[in-house]
PDB file of N, CA and C in Angstrom:
ATOM      1  N   UNK A   1     116.536  99.751 106.430  1.00  0.00           N
ATOM      2  CA  UNK A   1     117.221  99.235 105.446  1.00  0.00           C
ATOM      3  C   UNK A   1     117.595  99.869 104.292  1.00  0.00           C
ATOM      4  N   UNK A   2     118.885  99.627 103.522  1.00  0.00           N
ATOM      5  CA  UNK A   2     119.234 100.246 102.262  1.00  0.00           C
ATOM      6  C   UNK A   2     119.220  99.464 101.206  1.00  0.00           C
ATOM      7  N   UNK A   3     119.336 100.011 100.106  1.00  0.00           N
ATOM      8  CA  UNK A   3     119.428  99.270  98.751  1.00  0.00           C
ATOM      9  C   UNK A   3     120.233  98.139  98.733  1.00  0.00           C
ATOM     10  N   UNK A   4     121.574  98.244  99.277  1.00  0.00           N
ATOM     11  CA  UNK A   4     122.613  97.299  99.364  1.00  0.00           C
ATOM     12  C   UNK A   4     122.314  96.101  99.981  1.00  0.00           C
ATOM     13  N   UNK A   5     121.555  96.372 101.380  1.00  0.00           N
ATOM     14  CA  UNK A   5     121.186  95.334 102.258  1.00  0.00           C
ATOM     15  C   UNK A   5     119.965  94.345 101.630  1.00  0.00           C
ATOM     16  N   UNK A   6     119.111  95.082 100.786  1.00  0.00           N
ATOM     17  CA  UNK A   6     118.092  94.602 100.189  1.00  0.00           C
ATOM     18  C   UNK A   6     118.531  93.639  98.980  1.00  0.00           C
ATOM     19  N   UNK A   7     119.361  94.094  98.210  1.00  0.00           N
ATOM     20  CA  UNK A   7     119.944  93.704  97.035  1.00  0.00           C
ATOM     21  C   UNK A   7     120.748  92.297  97.492  1.00  0.00           C
ATOM     22  N   UNK A   8     121.405  92.562  98.587  1.00  0.00           N
ATOM     23  CA  UNK A   8     122.327  91.329  99.127  1.00  0.00           C
ATOM     24  C   UNK A   8     121.411  90.331  99.707  1.00  0.00           C
ATOM     25  N   UNK A   9     120.350  90.435 100.224  1.00  0.00           N
ATOM     26  CA  UNK A   9     119.187  89.467 100.728  1.00  0.00           C
ATOM     27  C   UNK A   9     118.773  88.787  99.788  1.00  0.00           C
ATOM     28  N   UNK A  10     118.394  89.523  98.656  1.00  0.00           N
ATOM     29  CA  UNK A  10     117.532  88.780  97.500  1.00  0.00           C
ATOM     30  C   UNK A  10     118.737  88.200  96.404  1.00  0.00           C
ATOM     31  N   UNK A  11     120.129  88.596  96.402  1.00  0.00           N
ATOM     32  CA  UNK A  11     120.901  88.199  95.691  1.00  0.00           C
ATOM     33  C   UNK A  11     121.448  88.876  94.541  1.00  0.00           C
ATOM     34  N   UNK A  12     120.442  89.852  93.980  1.00  0.00           N
ATOM     35  CA  UNK A  12     120.624  90.649  92.858  1.00  0.00           C
ATOM     36  C   UNK A  12     119.663  91.554  92.604  1.00  0.00           C
ATOM     37  N   UNK A  13     119.887  92.805  92.134  1.00  0.00           N
ATOM     38  CA  UNK A  13     118.862  93.797  91.770  1.00  0.00           C
ATOM     39  C   UNK A  13     117.559  93.276  91.114  1.00  0.00           C
ATOM     40  N   UNK A  14     117.996  92.489  90.123  1.00  0.00           N
ATOM     41  CA  UNK A  14     117.127  91.818  89.383  1.00  0.00           C
ATOM     42  C   UNK A  14     116.075  90.838  90.186  1.00  0.00           C
ATOM     43  N   UNK A  15     116.695  90.121  91.047  1.00  0.00           N
ATOM     44  CA  UNK A  15     115.841  89.114  91.773  1.00  0.00           C
ATOM     45  C   UNK A  15     114.999  89.985  92.755  1.00  0.00           C
ATOM     46  N   UNK A  16     115.748  91.180  93.313  1.00  0.00           N
ATOM     47  CA  UNK A  16     114.583  92.267  94.248  1.00  0.00           C
ATOM     48  C   UNK A  16     113.644  92.666  93.322  1.00  0.00           C
ATOM     49  N   UNK A  17     113.960  93.124  92.174  1.00  0.00           N
ATOM     50  CA  UNK A  17     112.878  93.812  91.209  1.00  0.00           C
ATOM     51  C   UNK A  17     111.943  92.794  91.103  1.00  0.00           C
ATOM     52  N   UNK A  18     112.261  91.392  90.741  1.00  0.00           N
ATOM     53  CA  UNK A  18     111.214  90.434  90.376  1.00  0.00           C
ATOM     54  C   UNK A  18     110.344  90.258  91.571  1.00  0.00           C
ATOM     55  N   UNK A  19     110.903  90.271  92.775  1.00  0.00           N
ATOM     56  CA  UNK A  19     110.184  89.860  93.960  1.00  0.00           C
ATOM     57  C   UNK A  19     109.106  91.159  94.229  1.00  0.00           C
ATOM     58  N   UNK A  20     109.310  92.290  93.944  1.00  0.00           N
ATOM     59  CA  UNK A  20     108.545  93.604  93.940  1.00  0.00           C
ATOM     60  C   UNK A  20     107.677  93.471  92.823  1.00  0.00           C
ATOM     61  N   UNK A  21     107.927  92.797  91.747  1.00  0.00           N
ATOM     62  CA  UNK A  21     107.171  93.077  90.482  1.00  0.00           C
ATOM     63  C   UNK A  21     107.370  94.401  89.959  1.00  0.00           C
ATOM     64  N   UNK A  22     108.674  94.874  90.054  1.00  0.00           N
ATOM     65  CA  UNK A  22     108.825  96.124  89.271  1.00  0.00           C
ATOM     66  C   UNK A  22     110.230  95.839  88.402  1.00  0.00           C
ATOM     67  N   UNK A  23     110.694  96.908  87.692  1.00  0.00           N
ATOM     68  CA  UNK A  23     111.859  96.611  86.845  1.00  0.00           C
ATOM     69  C   UNK A  23     113.088  96.910  87.827  1.00  0.00           C
ATOM     70  N   UNK A  24     114.224  96.308  87.241  1.00  0.00           N
ATOM     71  CA  UNK A  24     115.465  96.573  87.818  1.00  0.00           C
ATOM     72  C   UNK A  24     115.802  97.839  87.779  1.00  0.00           C
ATOM     73  N   UNK A  25     115.467  98.748  86.532  1.00  0.00           N
ATOM     74  CA  UNK A  25     115.819 100.175  86.521  1.00  0.00           C
ATOM     75  C   UNK A  25     115.070 100.755  87.726  1.00  0.00           C
ATOM     76  N   UNK A  26     114.091 100.675  88.056  1.00  0.00           N
ATOM     77  CA  UNK A  26     113.225 101.257  89.360  1.00  0.00           C
ATOM     78  C   UNK A  26     114.174 101.032  90.454  1.00  0.00           C
ATOM     79  N   UNK A  27     114.632  99.879  90.703  1.00  0.00           N
ATOM     80  CA  UNK A  27     115.633  99.846  91.886  1.00  0.00           C
ATOM     81  C   UNK A  27     116.635 100.577  91.940  1.00  0.00           C
ATOM     82  N   UNK A  28     117.387 100.686  90.690  1.00  0.00           N
ATOM     83  CA  UNK A  28     118.358 101.500  90.526  1.00  0.00           C
ATOM     84  C   UNK A  28     118.018 102.980  90.764  1.00  0.00           C
ATOM     85  N   UNK A  29     116.925 103.451  90.379  1.00  0.00           N
ATOM     86  CA  UNK A  29     116.544 104.826  90.576  1.00  0.00           C
ATOM     87  C   UNK A  29     116.336 105.214  92.082  1.00  0.00           C
ATOM     88  N   UNK A  30     116.429 104.112  93.140  1.00  0.00           N
ATOM     89  CA  UNK A  30     116.129 104.417  94.501  1.00  0.00           C
ATOM     90  C   UNK A  30     117.557 105.123  95.014  1.00  0.00           C
ATOM     91  N   UNK A  31     118.594 104.672  94.291  1.00  0.00           N
ATOM     92  CA  UNK A  31     119.998 105.080  94.904  1.00  0.00           C
ATOM     93  C   UNK A  31     119.991 104.270  96.235  1.00  0.00           C
ATOM     94  N   UNK A  32     120.548 104.761  97.292  1.00  0.00           N
ATOM     95  CA  UNK A  32     120.923 103.930  98.504  1.00  0.00           C
ATOM     96  C   UNK A  32     119.566 103.887  99.417  1.00  0.00           C
ATOM     97  N   UNK A  33     118.670 105.015  99.111  1.00  0.00           N
ATOM     98  CA  UNK A  33     117.406 105.030 100.222  1.00  0.00           C
ATOM     99  C   UNK A  33     115.987 104.530  99.486  1.00  0.00           C
ATOM    100  N   UNK A  34     115.736 103.525 100.108  1.00  0.00           N
ATOM    101  CA  UNK A  34     114.515 102.756  99.524  1.00  0.00           C
ATOM    102  C   UNK A  34     113.234 103.486  99.918  1.00  0.00           C
ATOM    103  N   UNK A  35     112.386 103.810  99.037  1.00  0.00           N
ATOM    104  CA  UNK A  35     111.179 104.523  99.537  1.00  0.00           C
ATOM    105  C   UNK A  35     110.490 103.660 100.638  1.00  0.00           C
ATOM    106  N   UNK A  36     110.096 104.453 101.733  1.00  0.00           N
ATOM    107  CA  UNK A  36     109.339 103.891 102.772  1.00  0.00           C
ATOM    108  C   UNK A  36     108.357 102.713 102.458  1.00  0.00           C
ATOM    109  N   UNK A  37     107.346 102.827 101.498  1.00  0.00           N
ATOM    110  CA  UNK A  37     106.529 102.019 101.220  1.00  0.00           C
ATOM    111  C   UNK A  37     107.108 100.629 100.894  1.00  0.00           C
ATOM    112  N   UNK A  38     108.172 100.702  99.940  1.00  0.00           N
ATOM    113  CA  UNK A  38     108.933  99.656  99.476  1.00  0.00           C
ATOM    114  C   UNK A  38     109.386  99.017 100.583  1.00  0.00           C
ATOM    115  N   UNK A  39     110.112  99.673 101.435  1.00  0.00           N
ATOM    116  CA  UNK A  39     110.430  98.945 102.812  1.00  0.00           C
ATOM    117  C   UNK A  39     109.702  98.156 103.482  1.00  0.00           C
ATOM    118  N   UNK A  40     108.641  98.804 103.615  1.00  0.00           N
ATOM    119  CA  UNK A  40     107.580  97.827 104.380  1.00  0.00           C
ATOM    120  C   UNK A  40     107.010  96.634 103.378  1.00  0.00           C
ATOM    121  N   UNK A  41     107.227  96.935 102.192  1.00  0.00           N
ATOM    122  CA  UNK A  41     106.905  95.579 101.377  1.00  0.00           C
ATOM    123  C   UNK A  41     107.966  94.438 101.379  1.00  0.00           C
ATOM    124  N   UNK A  42     109.164  95.016 101.158  1.00  0.00           N
ATOM    125  CA  UNK A  42     110.379  94.159 101.579  1.00  0.00           C
ATOM    126  C   UNK A  42     110.267  93.427 102.915  1.00  0.00           C
ATOM    127  N   UNK A  43     109.968  94.314 103.930  1.00  0.00           N
ATOM    128  CA  UNK A  43     109.908  93.620 105.157  1.00  0.00           C
ATOM    129  C   UNK A  43     108.936  92.517 105.295  1.00  0.00           C
ATOM    130  N   UNK A  44     107.872  92.710 104.629  1.00  0.00           N
ATOM    131  CA  UNK A  44     106.732  91.560 104.609  1.00  0.00           C
ATOM    132  C   UNK A  44     107.340  90.565 103.828  1.00  0.00           C
ATOM    133  N   UNK A  45     107.907  90.620 102.535  1.00  0.00           N
ATOM    134  CA  UNK A  45     108.757  89.504 101.916  1.00  0.00           C
ATOM    135  C   UNK A  45     109.642  88.794 102.429  1.00  0.00           C
ATOM    136  N   UNK A  46     110.131  89.418 103.436  1.00  0.00           N
ATOM    137  CA  UNK A  46     111.451  88.830 104.056  1.00  0.00           C
ATOM    138  C   UNK A  46     110.822  88.127 105.296  1.00  0.00           C
ATOM    139  N   UNK A  47     109.652  88.307 105.751  1.00  0.00           N
ATOM    140  CA  UNK A  47     109.364  87.861 106.962  1.00  0.00           C
ATOM    141  C   UNK A  47     110.216  88.516 108.223  1.00  0.00           C
ATOM    142  N   UNK A  48     110.262  89.693 107.885  1.00  0.00           N
ATOM    143  CA  UNK A  48     110.997  90.501 109.020  1.00  0.00           C
ATOM    144  C   UNK A  48     112.417  90.419 109.203  1.00  0.00           C
ATOM    145  N   UNK A  49     113.147  89.721 108.286  1.00  0.00           N
ATOM    146  CA  UNK A  49     114.744  89.565 108.094  1.00  0.00           C
ATOM    147  C   UNK A  49     115.192  91.009 107.981  1.00  0.00           C
ATOM    148  N   UNK A  50     114.559  91.842 106.985  1.00  0.00           N
ATOM    149  CA  UNK A  50     115.050  93.017 106.777  1.00  0.00           C
ATOM    150  C   UNK A  50     113.777  93.818 107.262  1.00  0.00           C
ATOM    151  N   UNK A  51     114.037  94.974 108.121  1.00  0.00           N
ATOM    152  CA  UNK A  51     113.168  95.834 108.576  1.00  0.00           C
ATOM    153  C   UNK A  51     113.045  97.365 108.095  1.00  0.00           C
ATOM    154  N   UNK A  52     111.849  97.896 107.960  1.00  0.00           N
ATOM    155  CA  UNK A  52     111.744  99.074 107.252  1.00  0.00           C
ATOM    156  C   UNK A  52     112.159  99.986 108.603  1.00  0.00           C
ATOM    157  N   UNK A  53     112.796 101.145 108.084  1.00  0.00           N
ATOM    158  CA  UNK A  53     113.184 102.243 108.980  1.00  0.00           C
ATOM    159  C   UNK A  53     112.236 103.370 108.963  1.00  0.00           C
ATOM    160  N   UNK A  54     111.633 103.632 110.172  1.00  0.00           N
ATOM    161  CA  UNK A  54     110.479 104.657 110.047  1.00  0.00           C
ATOM    162  C   UNK A  54     110.698 105.812 109.522  1.00  0.00           C
ATOM    163  N   UNK A  55     111.809 106.784 109.913  1.00  0.00           N
ATOM    164  CA  UNK A  55     111.966 107.922 109.569  1.00  0.00           C
ATOM    165  C   UNK A  55     113.128 108.131 108.570  1.00  0.00           C
ATOM    166  N   UNK A  56     114.075 107.033 108.283  1.00  0.00           N
ATOM    167  CA  UNK A  56     115.067 107.273 107.352  1.00  0.00           C
ATOM    168  C   UNK A  56     114.826 107.573 106.005  1.00  0.00           C
ATOM    169  N   UNK A  57     113.726 106.888 105.374  1.00  0.00           N
ATOM    170  CA  UNK A  57     113.412 107.158 103.943  1.00  0.00           C
ATOM    171  C   UNK A  57     112.214 108.192 103.724  1.00  0.00           C
ATOM    172  N   UNK A  58     112.424 108.858 102.666  1.00  0.00           N
ATOM    173  CA  UNK A  58     111.166 109.565 102.319  1.00  0.00           C
ATOM    174  C   UNK A  58     109.943 108.734 101.996  1.00  0.00           C
ATOM    175  N   UNK A  59     108.706 109.208 102.048  1.00  0.00           N
ATOM    176  CA  UNK A  59     107.576 108.324 101.529  1.00  0.00           C
ATOM    177  C   UNK A  59     107.471 108.285 100.117  1.00  0.00           C
ATOM    178  N   UNK A  60     107.810 109.368  99.392  1.00  0.00           N
ATOM    179  CA  UNK A  60     107.895 109.231  97.938  1.00  0.00           C
ATOM    180  C   UNK A  60     108.920 110.119  97.479  1.00  0.00           C
ATOM    181  N   UNK A  61     109.415 109.978  96.424  1.00  0.00           N
ATOM    182  CA  UNK A  61     110.442 110.734  95.595  1.00  0.00           C
ATOM    183  C   UNK A  61     109.344 111.817  94.789  1.00  0.00           C
ATOM    184  N   UNK A  62     110.009 112.780  94.323  1.00  0.00           N
ATOM    185  CA  UNK A  62     109.277 113.732  93.464  1.00  0.00           C
ATOM    186  C   UNK A  62     108.206 113.201  92.360  1.00  0.00           C
ATOM    187  N   UNK A  63     108.884 112.171  91.622  1.00  0.00           N
ATOM    188  CA  UNK A  63     108.174 111.672  90.618  1.00  0.00           C
ATOM    189  C   UNK A  63     106.917 110.699  90.957  1.00  0.00           C
ATOM    190  N   UNK A  64     107.348 109.945  92.210  1.00  0.00           N
ATOM    191  CA  UNK A  64     106.080 109.270  92.756  1.00  0.00           C
ATOM    192  C   UNK A  64     105.069 110.238  93.363  1.00  0.00           C
ATOM    193  N   UNK A  65     105.501 111.154  93.893  1.00  0.00           N
ATOM    194  CA  UNK A  65     104.207 112.008  94.554  1.00  0.00           C
ATOM    195  C   UNK A  65     103.665 112.505  93.467  1.00  0.00           C
ATOM    196  N   UNK A  66     104.123 112.843  92.217  1.00  0.00           N
ATOM    197  CA  UNK A  66     103.340 113.413  91.125  1.00  0.00           C
ATOM    198  C   UNK A  66     102.495 112.270  90.579  1.00  0.00           C
ATOM    199  N   UNK A  67     103.020 111.164  90.474  1.00  0.00           N
ATOM    200  CA  UNK A  67     102.191 109.858  90.022  1.00  0.00           C
ATOM    201  C   UNK A  67     101.067 109.708  90.916  1.00  0.00           C
ATOM    202  N   UNK A  68     101.207 109.853  92.434  1.00  0.00           N
ATOM    203  CA  UNK A  68     100.224 109.607  93.324  1.00  0.00           C
ATOM    204  C   UNK A  68      99.270 110.722  93.138  1.00  0.00           C
ATOM    205  N   UNK A  69      99.719 111.938  92.860  1.00  0.00           N
ATOM    206  CA  UNK A  69      98.705 113.141  92.766  1.00  0.00           C
ATOM    207  C   UNK A  69      97.790 112.811  91.507  1.00  0.00           C
ATOM    208  N   UNK A  70      98.299 112.437  90.672  1.00  0.00           N
ATOM    209  CA  UNK A  70      97.600 111.954  89.395  1.00  0.00           C
ATOM    210  C   UNK A  70      96.734 110.833  89.525  1.00  0.00           C
ATOM    211  N   UNK A  71      96.980 110.067  90.537  1.00  0.00           N
ATOM    212  CA  UNK A  71      96.185 108.785  90.715  1.00  0.00           C
ATOM    213  C   UNK A  71      95.021 109.088  91.654  1.00  0.00           C
ATOM    214  N   UNK A  72      95.096 110.236  92.310  1.00  0.00           N
ATOM    215  CA  UNK A  72      94.014 110.463  93.361  1.00  0.00           C
ATOM    216  C   UNK A  72      92.587 110.932  92.636  1.00  0.00           C
ATOM    217  N   UNK A  73      91.623 110.418  93.316  1.00  0.00           N
ATOM    218  CA  UNK A  73      90.230 110.634  92.825  1.00  0.00           C
ATOM    219  C   UNK A  73      89.949 112.195  93.085  1.00  0.00           C
ATOM    220  N   UNK A  74      88.646 112.456  92.657  1.00  0.00           N
ATOM    221  CA  UNK A  74      88.301 113.742  92.779  1.00  0.00           C
ATOM    222  C   UNK A  74      88.208 114.499  94.205  1.00  0.00           C
ATOM    223  N   UNK A  75      87.902 113.322  95.165  1.00  0.00           N
ATOM    224  CA  UNK A  75      87.696 113.609  96.522  1.00  0.00           C
ATOM    225  C   UNK A  75      89.095 113.395  97.433  1.00  0.00           C
ATOM    226  N   UNK A  76      90.081 113.053  96.573  1.00  0.00           N
ATOM    227  CA  UNK A  76      91.554 112.966  97.225  1.00  0.00           C
ATOM    228  C   UNK A  76      91.823 111.458  97.531  1.00  0.00           C
ATOM    229  N   UNK A  77      90.841 110.878  97.410  1.00  0.00           N
ATOM    230  CA  UNK A  77      91.069 109.294  97.710  1.00  0.00           C
ATOM    231  C   UNK A  77      91.988 108.522  96.777  1.00  0.00           C
ATOM    232  N   UNK A  78      92.792 107.693  97.422  1.00  0.00           N
ATOM    233  CA  UNK A  78      93.659 106.944  96.549  1.00  0.00           C
ATOM    234  C   UNK A  78      93.490 105.396  96.822  1.00  0.00           C
ATOM    235  N   UNK A  79      93.609 104.831  95.744  1.00  0.00           N
ATOM    236  CA  UNK A  79      93.487 103.261  95.866  1.00  0.00           C
ATOM    237  C   UNK A  79      94.806 102.799  96.446  1.00  0.00           C
ATOM    238  N   UNK A  80      94.812 101.697  96.975  1.00  0.00           N
ATOM    239  CA  UNK A  80      96.169 101.141  97.548  1.00  0.00           C
ATOM    240  C   UNK A  80      97.175 100.431  96.252  1.00  0.00           C
ATOM    241  N   UNK A  81      96.484 100.235  95.430  1.00  0.00           N
ATOM    242  CA  UNK A  81      97.304  99.772  94.151  1.00  0.00           C
ATOM    243  C   UNK A  81      97.886 101.092  93.433  1.00  0.00           C
ATOM    244  N   UNK A  82      97.418 102.292  93.528  1.00  0.00           N
ATOM    245  CA  UNK A  82      98.009 103.380  93.073  1.00  0.00           C
ATOM    246  C   UNK A  82      99.150 103.710  93.945  1.00  0.00           C
ATOM    247  N   UNK A  83      99.184 103.380  95.409  1.00  0.00           N
ATOM    248  CA  UNK A  83     100.190 103.817  96.104  1.00  0.00           C
ATOM    249  C   UNK A  83     101.271 103.039  95.767  1.00  0.00           C
ATOM    250  N   UNK A  84     101.201 101.935  95.625  1.00  0.00           N
ATOM    251  CA  UNK A  84     102.318 100.902  95.245  1.00  0.00           C
ATOM    252  C   UNK A  84     102.867 101.308  93.910  1.00  0.00           C
ATOM    253  N   UNK A  85     102.093 101.519  92.795  1.00  0.00           N
ATOM    254  CA  UNK A  85     102.653 101.926  91.741  1.00  0.00           C
ATOM    255  C   UNK A  85     103.349 103.029  91.767  1.00  0.00           C
ATOM    256  N   UNK A  86     102.891 104.378  92.412  1.00  0.00           N
ATOM    257  CA  UNK A  86     103.657 105.378  92.620  1.00  0.00           C
ATOM    258  C   UNK A  86     104.940 105.244  93.402  1.00  0.00           C
ATOM    259  N   UNK A  87     104.884 104.267  94.258  1.00  0.00           N
ATOM    260  CA  UNK A  87     106.182 103.988  94.954  1.00  0.00           C
ATOM    261  C   UNK A  87     107.373 103.380  94.225  1.00  0.00           C
ATOM    262  N   UNK A  88     106.997 102.830  92.841  1.00  0.00           N
ATOM    263  CA  UNK A  88     108.096 102.391  92.116  1.00  0.00           C
ATOM    264  C   UNK A  88     109.140 103.318  91.863  1.00  0.00           C
TER     265      UNK A  88
END
């Protein structure tokens, strides 16, 4: 799925952002390619009406990768909540 499809499904960027509990500006920062983790989240929220593309989207953008790196524990473990926050 791409951003336009997700926005169309939810009705607006704001409604999409609200459903994901993120800011509309975070949605804007995606451009046309929704991060993979967000695609899976949207797939779950839509009951499969919109489906994640396995290889089309990167897992993380550069700022998300840095945030995830900072969220990692000393043993390299990462909490699921850190992954979701990093993918915003």
